[in-house]
């Protein structure tokens, strides 16, 4: 089910990764982690997180008892630069003494076995990030979270979300999308094939809502 979810809300990130709201807010303020999409809305901000962002939060949690906050931010930054869309099973990283203008530096070993930057100083810490394990754990946690909160056949309106339009409970899919597709001649199978997160009960509820 995770594959069909393009983005996650901050509440979902907290539930799926296990990070506390206070810690996540602090990390956001310090630039340790960030969401791919962040927009100002009224007096607040709306953040949408990609699965890659979830992995970055998980990495930061794993490192919090091993490295300083500043170095954790640099590890996450280097991983983002290296790309996590198709992560390796594991990724080695090293902290180099005095390797950067602001103190210790971080380097990542790429898939070819080379370091992301030349190592010109002494390695004072070296570790291996189990990215594949993190990805599998987060996928399982996201699926569990989805199933707990998904209510097939129910429609809800959430103030400030998608213009307060009716959506299928536990999703961001507007009811009007299914109604429009049905009016265009799509049968139940075709709708469910294109929206695997929906059920026959959802389609029935959408058509009943449309009257």
C-alpha atoms as a PDB file:
ATOM      1  CA  UNK A   1       0.000   0.000   0.000  1.00  0.00           C
ATOM      2  CA  UNK A   2       2.923   2.351   0.660  1.00  0.00           C
ATOM      3  CA  UNK A   3       3.822   2.340  -3.019  1.00  0.00           C
ATOM      4  CA  UNK A   4       0.484   4.030  -3.776  1.00  0.00           C
ATOM      5  CA  UNK A   5       1.078   6.796  -1.200  1.00  0.00           C
ATOM      6  CA  UNK A   6       2.935   9.683  -2.782  1.00  0.00           C
ATOM      7  CA  UNK A   7       3.266  11.714   0.400  1.00  0.00           C
ATOM      8  CA  UNK A   8       2.815  11.590   4.149  1.00  0.00           C
ATOM      9  CA  UNK A   9       1.548  14.203   6.590  1.00  0.00           C
ATOM     10  CA  UNK A  10       3.545  15.229   9.651  1.00  0.00           C
ATOM     11  CA  UNK A  11       1.156  13.234  11.859  1.00  0.00           C
ATOM     12  CA  UNK A  12       1.818  10.154   9.741  1.00  0.00           C
ATOM     13  CA  UNK A  13       5.585  10.693   9.985  1.00  0.00           C
ATOM     14  CA  UNK A  14       5.310  10.777  13.782  1.00  0.00           C
ATOM     15  CA  UNK A  15       3.203   7.610  13.925  1.00  0.00           C
ATOM     16  CA  UNK A  16       5.265   5.671  11.378  1.00  0.00           C
ATOM     17  CA  UNK A  17       8.803   6.570  12.477  1.00  0.00           C
ATOM     18  CA  UNK A  18       8.163   6.831  16.219  1.00  0.00           C
ATOM     19  CA  UNK A  19       9.803  10.260  16.478  1.00  0.00           C
ATOM     20  CA  UNK A  20       8.208  12.542  19.049  1.00  0.00           C
ATOM     21  CA  UNK A  21       6.441  15.679  17.845  1.00  0.00           C
ATOM     22  CA  UNK A  22       8.723  17.828  19.972  1.00  0.00           C
ATOM     23  CA  UNK A  23      11.910  16.215  18.639  1.00  0.00           C
ATOM     24  CA  UNK A  24      10.725  16.462  15.039  1.00  0.00           C
ATOM     25  CA  UNK A  25       9.853  20.143  15.467  1.00  0.00           C
ATOM     26  CA  UNK A  26      13.307  20.774  16.930  1.00  0.00           C
ATOM     27  CA  UNK A  27      15.040  18.940  14.092  1.00  0.00           C
ATOM     28  CA  UNK A  28      13.023  20.912  11.543  1.00  0.00           C
ATOM     29  CA  UNK A  29      13.972  24.158  13.253  1.00  0.00           C
ATOM     30  CA  UNK A  30      17.657  23.179  13.215  1.00  0.00           C
ATOM     31  CA  UNK A  31      17.562  21.964   9.619  1.00  0.00           C
ATOM     32  CA  UNK A  32      18.451  18.376  10.533  1.00  0.00           C
ATOM     33  CA  UNK A  33      15.558  16.946   8.502  1.00  0.00           C
ATOM     34  CA  UNK A  34      13.056  18.491   6.123  1.00  0.00           C
ATOM     35  CA  UNK A  35       9.964  17.663   4.088  1.00  0.00           C
ATOM     36  CA  UNK A  36      10.117  17.661   0.300  1.00  0.00           C
ATOM     37  CA  UNK A  37       7.064  19.945   0.181  1.00  0.00           C
ATOM     38  CA  UNK A  38       6.601  22.818   2.599  1.00  0.00           C
ATOM     39  CA  UNK A  39       4.184  25.688   2.089  1.00  0.00           C
ATOM     40  CA  UNK A  40       2.892  28.527   4.230  1.00  0.00           C
ATOM     41  CA  UNK A  41      -0.873  28.306   4.763  1.00  0.00           C
ATOM     42  CA  UNK A  42      -2.463  31.117   6.755  1.00  0.00           C
ATOM     43  CA  UNK A  43      -0.743  31.258  10.125  1.00  0.00           C
ATOM     44  CA  UNK A  44       0.758  27.803   9.837  1.00  0.00           C
ATOM     45  CA  UNK A  45       2.732  25.601   7.491  1.00  0.00           C
ATOM     46  CA  UNK A  46       1.778  22.518   5.515  1.00  0.00           C
ATOM     47  CA  UNK A  47       4.420  19.831   5.074  1.00  0.00           C
ATOM     48  CA  UNK A  48       4.214  16.750   2.887  1.00  0.00           C
ATOM     49  CA  UNK A  49       6.909  14.127   3.379  1.00  0.00           C
ATOM     50  CA  UNK A  50       8.158  11.616   0.842  1.00  0.00           C
ATOM     51  CA  UNK A  51       9.135   8.064   1.789  1.00  0.00           C
ATOM     52  CA  UNK A  52      12.751   9.160   1.377  1.00  0.00           C
ATOM     53  CA  UNK A  53      12.113  11.812   4.034  1.00  0.00           C
ATOM     54  CA  UNK A  54      10.815   9.082   6.364  1.00  0.00           C
ATOM     55  CA  UNK A  55      14.058   7.162   5.864  1.00  0.00           C
ATOM     56  CA  UNK A  56      16.025  10.322   6.706  1.00  0.00           C
ATOM     57  CA  UNK A  57      14.069  10.763   9.947  1.00  0.00           C
ATOM     58  CA  UNK A  58      14.714   7.101  10.769  1.00  0.00           C
ATOM     59  CA  UNK A  59      18.439   7.582  10.143  1.00  0.00           C
ATOM     60  CA  UNK A  60      18.496  10.610  12.440  1.00  0.00           C
ATOM     61  CA  UNK A  61      16.753   8.601  15.184  1.00  0.00           C
ATOM     62  CA  UNK A  62      19.253   5.768  14.815  1.00  0.00           C
ATOM     63  CA  UNK A  63      22.210   8.152  15.039  1.00  0.00           C
ATOM     64  CA  UNK A  64      20.986  10.347  17.907  1.00  0.00           C
ATOM     65  CA  UNK A  65      22.878   8.337  20.561  1.00  0.00           C
ATOM     66  CA  UNK A  66      25.962   7.973  18.391  1.00  0.00           C
ATOM     67  CA  UNK A  67      26.741  11.424  16.966  1.00  0.00           C
ATOM     68  CA  UNK A  68      26.235  15.085  17.778  1.00  0.00           C
ATOM     69  CA  UNK A  69      23.172  16.784  16.315  1.00  0.00           C
ATOM     70  CA  UNK A  70      25.371  18.781  13.976  1.00  0.00           C
ATOM     71  CA  UNK A  71      26.993  15.632  12.559  1.00  0.00           C
ATOM     72  CA  UNK A  72      23.629  13.888  12.251  1.00  0.00           C
ATOM     73  CA  UNK A  73      22.475  16.752  10.059  1.00  0.00           C
ATOM     74  CA  UNK A  74      25.559  16.348   7.889  1.00  0.00           C
ATOM     75  CA  UNK A  75      25.016  12.588   7.524  1.00  0.00           C
ATOM     76  CA  UNK A  76      21.407  13.176   6.429  1.00  0.00           C
ATOM     77  CA  UNK A  77      22.541  15.892   4.019  1.00  0.00           C
ATOM     78  CA  UNK A  78      25.181  13.624   2.452  1.00  0.00           C
ATOM     79  CA  UNK A  79      22.670  10.797   2.072  1.00  0.00           C
ATOM     80  CA  UNK A  80      20.250  13.139   0.336  1.00  0.00           C
ATOM     81  CA  UNK A  81      22.973  14.313  -2.025  1.00  0.00           C
ATOM     82  CA  UNK A  82      23.951  10.705  -2.766  1.00  0.00           C
ATOM     83  CA  UNK A  83      20.313   9.832  -3.486  1.00  0.00           C
ATOM     84  CA  UNK A  84      18.028   7.480  -1.579  1.00  0.00           C
ATOM     85  CA  UNK A  85      15.480   6.690  -4.261  1.00  0.00           C
ATOM     86  CA  UNK A  86      17.063   3.265  -4.818  1.00  0.00           C
ATOM     87  CA  UNK A  87      19.097   2.818  -1.654  1.00  0.00           C
ATOM     88  CA  UNK A  88      21.745   0.176  -1.167  1.00  0.00           C
ATOM     89  CA  UNK A  89      21.228  -2.489   1.479  1.00  0.00           C
ATOM     90  CA  UNK A  90      23.757  -0.678   3.662  1.00  0.00           C
ATOM     91  CA  UNK A  91      25.719   2.564   3.395  1.00  0.00           C
ATOM     92  CA  UNK A  92      29.004   3.254   5.142  1.00  0.00           C
ATOM     93  CA  UNK A  93      29.823   6.707   6.422  1.00  0.00           C
ATOM     94  CA  UNK A  94      32.783   8.205   8.210  1.00  0.00           C
ATOM     95  CA  UNK A  95      33.449  11.303  10.280  1.00  0.00           C
ATOM     96  CA  UNK A  96      36.729  13.015   9.440  1.00  0.00           C
ATOM     97  CA  UNK A  97      38.465  15.111  12.109  1.00  0.00           C
ATOM     98  CA  UNK A  98      38.656  18.754  11.066  1.00  0.00           C
ATOM     99  CA  UNK A  99      37.667  17.841   7.523  1.00  0.00           C
ATOM    100  CA  UNK A 100      35.312  20.775   7.046  1.00  0.00           C
ATOM    101  CA  UNK A 101      35.390  24.519   7.509  1.00  0.00           C
ATOM    102  CA  UNK A 102      32.977  24.161  10.437  1.00  0.00           C
ATOM    103  CA  UNK A 103      34.821  21.325  12.119  1.00  0.00           C
ATOM    104  CA  UNK A 104      34.472  17.588  11.557  1.00  0.00           C
ATOM    105  CA  UNK A 105      33.255  16.484   8.153  1.00  0.00           C
ATOM    106  CA  UNK A 106      31.138  13.532   6.982  1.00  0.00           C
ATOM    107  CA  UNK A 107      31.740  11.366   3.915  1.00  0.00           C
ATOM    108  CA  UNK A 108      29.550   8.639   2.432  1.00  0.00           C
ATOM    109  CA  UNK A 109      30.748   5.581   0.549  1.00  0.00           C
ATOM    110  CA  UNK A 110      28.988   5.370  -2.820  1.00  0.00           C
ATOM    111  CA  UNK A 111      27.825   2.234  -4.629  1.00  0.00           C
ATOM    112  CA  UNK A 112      31.132   2.058  -6.490  1.00  0.00           C
ATOM    113  CA  UNK A 113      33.019   1.838  -3.194  1.00  0.00           C
ATOM    114  CA  UNK A 114      34.434   5.356  -3.452  1.00  0.00           C
ATOM    115  CA  UNK A 115      33.966   8.014  -0.779  1.00  0.00           C
ATOM    116  CA  UNK A 116      31.820  11.030  -1.621  1.00  0.00           C
ATOM    117  CA  UNK A 117      34.790  13.325  -0.825  1.00  0.00           C
ATOM    118  CA  UNK A 118      38.521  12.683  -0.570  1.00  0.00           C
ATOM    119  CA  UNK A 119      39.559  11.664   2.946  1.00  0.00           C
ATOM    120  CA  UNK A 120      42.268  14.111   3.961  1.00  0.00           C
ATOM    121  CA  UNK A 121      42.185  13.718   7.722  1.00  0.00           C
ATOM    122  CA  UNK A 122      41.858  11.119  10.435  1.00  0.00           C
ATOM    123  CA  UNK A 123      38.692   9.006  10.591  1.00  0.00           C
ATOM    124  CA  UNK A 124      37.352   9.432  14.127  1.00  0.00           C
ATOM    125  CA  UNK A 125      34.089   7.559  13.666  1.00  0.00           C
ATOM    126  CA  UNK A 126      32.855   5.068  11.084  1.00  0.00           C
ATOM    127  CA  UNK A 127      29.478   3.398  10.851  1.00  0.00           C
ATOM    128  CA  UNK A 128      27.136   1.455   8.579  1.00  0.00           C
ATOM    129  CA  UNK A 129      23.542   2.526   8.030  1.00  0.00           C
ATOM    130  CA  UNK A 130      21.150  -0.429   7.440  1.00  0.00           C
ATOM    131  CA  UNK A 131      19.025   1.469   4.921  1.00  0.00           C
ATOM    132  CA  UNK A 132      17.312  -1.604   3.512  1.00  0.00           C
ATOM    133  CA  UNK A 133      16.208  -2.630   7.003  1.00  0.00           C
ATOM    134  CA  UNK A 134      14.980   0.894   7.703  1.00  0.00           C
ATOM    135  CA  UNK A 135      13.002   0.895   4.460  1.00  0.00           C
ATOM    136  CA  UNK A 136      11.391  -2.462   5.217  1.00  0.00           C
ATOM    137  CA  UNK A 137      10.504  -1.419   8.776  1.00  0.00           C
ATOM    138  CA  UNK A 138       8.988   1.866   7.597  1.00  0.00           C
ATOM    139  CA  UNK A 139       7.019   0.146   4.839  1.00  0.00           C
ATOM    140  CA  UNK A 140       5.545  -2.296   7.342  1.00  0.00           C
ATOM    141  CA  UNK A 141       4.780   0.504   9.824  1.00  0.00           C
ATOM    142  CA  UNK A 142       3.126   2.619   7.115  1.00  0.00           C
ATOM    143  CA  UNK A 143       0.975  -0.308   6.028  1.00  0.00           C
ATOM    144  CA  UNK A 144      -0.116  -0.955   9.620  1.00  0.00           C
ATOM    145  CA  UNK A 145      -0.906   2.722  10.113  1.00  0.00           C
ATOM    146  CA  UNK A 146      -2.929   2.818   6.906  1.00  0.00           C
ATOM    147  CA  UNK A 147      -4.968  -0.265   7.837  1.00  0.00           C
ATOM    148  CA  UNK A 148      -5.681   1.044  11.338  1.00  0.00           C
ATOM    149  CA  UNK A 149      -6.992   4.360  10.059  1.00  0.00           C
ATOM    150  CA  UNK A 150      -8.608   3.288   6.820  1.00  0.00           C
ATOM    151  CA  UNK A 151     -12.415   3.050   7.032  1.00  0.00           C
ATOM    152  CA  UNK A 152     -13.768   1.568   3.824  1.00  0.00           C
ATOM    153  CA  UNK A 153     -17.047   3.032   2.608  1.00  0.00           C
ATOM    154  CA  UNK A 154     -16.763   6.144   4.765  1.00  0.00           C
ATOM    155  CA  UNK A 155     -16.512   9.714   3.482  1.00  0.00           C
ATOM    156  CA  UNK A 156     -15.154  12.625   5.453  1.00  0.00           C
ATOM    157  CA  UNK A 157     -14.485  16.332   5.102  1.00  0.00           C
ATOM    158  CA  UNK A 158     -11.383  17.713   6.758  1.00  0.00           C
ATOM    159  CA  UNK A 159     -11.255  21.433   7.319  1.00  0.00           C
ATOM    160  CA  UNK A 160      -8.398  23.018   5.416  1.00  0.00           C
ATOM    161  CA  UNK A 161      -7.553  19.791   3.547  1.00  0.00           C
ATOM    162  CA  UNK A 162      -8.093  19.772  -0.225  1.00  0.00           C
ATOM    163  CA  UNK A 163     -10.386  22.745   0.074  1.00  0.00           C
ATOM    164  CA  UNK A 164     -12.575  20.858   2.572  1.00  0.00           C
ATOM    165  CA  UNK A 165     -13.847  18.683  -0.284  1.00  0.00           C
ATOM    166  CA  UNK A 166     -15.231  15.248   0.655  1.00  0.00           C
ATOM    167  CA  UNK A 167     -12.560  12.536   0.539  1.00  0.00           C
ATOM    168  CA  UNK A 168     -12.531   8.823   1.273  1.00  0.00           C
ATOM    169  CA  UNK A 169     -11.810   8.363   4.981  1.00  0.00           C
ATOM    170  CA  UNK A 170      -8.142   7.770   5.673  1.00  0.00           C
ATOM    171  CA  UNK A 171      -7.044   8.931   2.211  1.00  0.00           C
ATOM    172  CA  UNK A 172      -6.479  12.134   0.248  1.00  0.00           C
ATOM    173  CA  UNK A 173      -8.544  10.900  -2.725  1.00  0.00           C
ATOM    174  CA  UNK A 174     -11.470  13.245  -3.506  1.00  0.00           C
ATOM    175  CA  UNK A 175     -14.876  11.592  -3.858  1.00  0.00           C
ATOM    176  CA  UNK A 176     -15.538  13.700  -6.951  1.00  0.00           C
ATOM    177  CA  UNK A 177     -12.655  11.941  -8.735  1.00  0.00           C
ATOM    178  CA  UNK A 178     -14.418   8.574  -8.581  1.00  0.00           C
ATOM    179  CA  UNK A 179     -17.789  10.111  -9.471  1.00  0.00           C
ATOM    180  CA  UNK A 180     -16.238  11.769 -12.515  1.00  0.00           C
ATOM    181  CA  UNK A 181     -14.564   8.542 -13.658  1.00  0.00           C
ATOM    182  CA  UNK A 182     -17.793   6.588 -13.235  1.00  0.00           C
ATOM    183  CA  UNK A 183     -19.647   9.196 -15.298  1.00  0.00           C
ATOM    184  CA  UNK A 184     -16.981   8.808 -17.983  1.00  0.00           C
ATOM    185  CA  UNK A 185     -17.793   5.110 -18.275  1.00  0.00           C
ATOM    186  CA  UNK A 186     -15.194   3.541 -15.971  1.00  0.00           C
ATOM    187  CA  UNK A 187     -16.448   0.332 -14.391  1.00  0.00           C
ATOM    188  CA  UNK A 188     -15.681  -0.773 -10.819  1.00  0.00           C
ATOM    189  CA  UNK A 189     -12.684  -2.925 -11.757  1.00  0.00           C
ATOM    190  CA  UNK A 190     -10.992  -0.163 -13.734  1.00  0.00           C
ATOM    191  CA  UNK A 191     -11.457   2.340 -10.902  1.00  0.00           C
ATOM    192  CA  UNK A 192     -10.053  -0.049  -8.283  1.00  0.00           C
ATOM    193  CA  UNK A 193      -7.147  -1.026 -10.553  1.00  0.00           C
ATOM    194  CA  UNK A 194      -6.155   2.648 -10.816  1.00  0.00           C
ATOM    195  CA  UNK A 195      -6.834   3.402  -7.137  1.00  0.00           C
ATOM    196  CA  UNK A 196      -5.725   0.259  -5.256  1.00  0.00           C
ATOM    197  CA  UNK A 197      -6.248   2.023  -1.928  1.00  0.00           C
ATOM    198  CA  UNK A 198     -10.017   2.106  -2.522  1.00  0.00           C
ATOM    199  CA  UNK A 199     -12.612  -0.641  -2.172  1.00  0.00           C
ATOM    200  CA  UNK A 200     -15.947  -1.468  -3.760  1.00  0.00           C
ATOM    201  CA  UNK A 201     -17.587  -0.013  -0.652  1.00  0.00           C
ATOM    202  CA  UNK A 202     -15.826   3.299  -1.309  1.00  0.00           C
ATOM    203  CA  UNK A 203     -17.079   3.481  -4.894  1.00  0.00           C
ATOM    204  CA  UNK A 204     -20.615   2.656  -3.746  1.00  0.00           C
ATOM    205  CA  UNK A 205     -20.423   5.398  -1.099  1.00  0.00           C
ATOM    206  CA  UNK A 206     -19.145   7.913  -3.669  1.00  0.00           C
ATOM    207  CA  UNK A 207     -22.031   7.251  -6.044  1.00  0.00           C
ATOM    208  CA  UNK A 208     -24.511   7.488  -3.182  1.00  0.00           C
ATOM    209  CA  UNK A 209     -22.947  10.805  -2.121  1.00  0.00           C
ATOM    210  CA  UNK A 210     -23.368  12.119  -5.669  1.00  0.00           C
ATOM    211  CA  UNK A 211     -27.022  11.149  -5.578  1.00  0.00           C
END
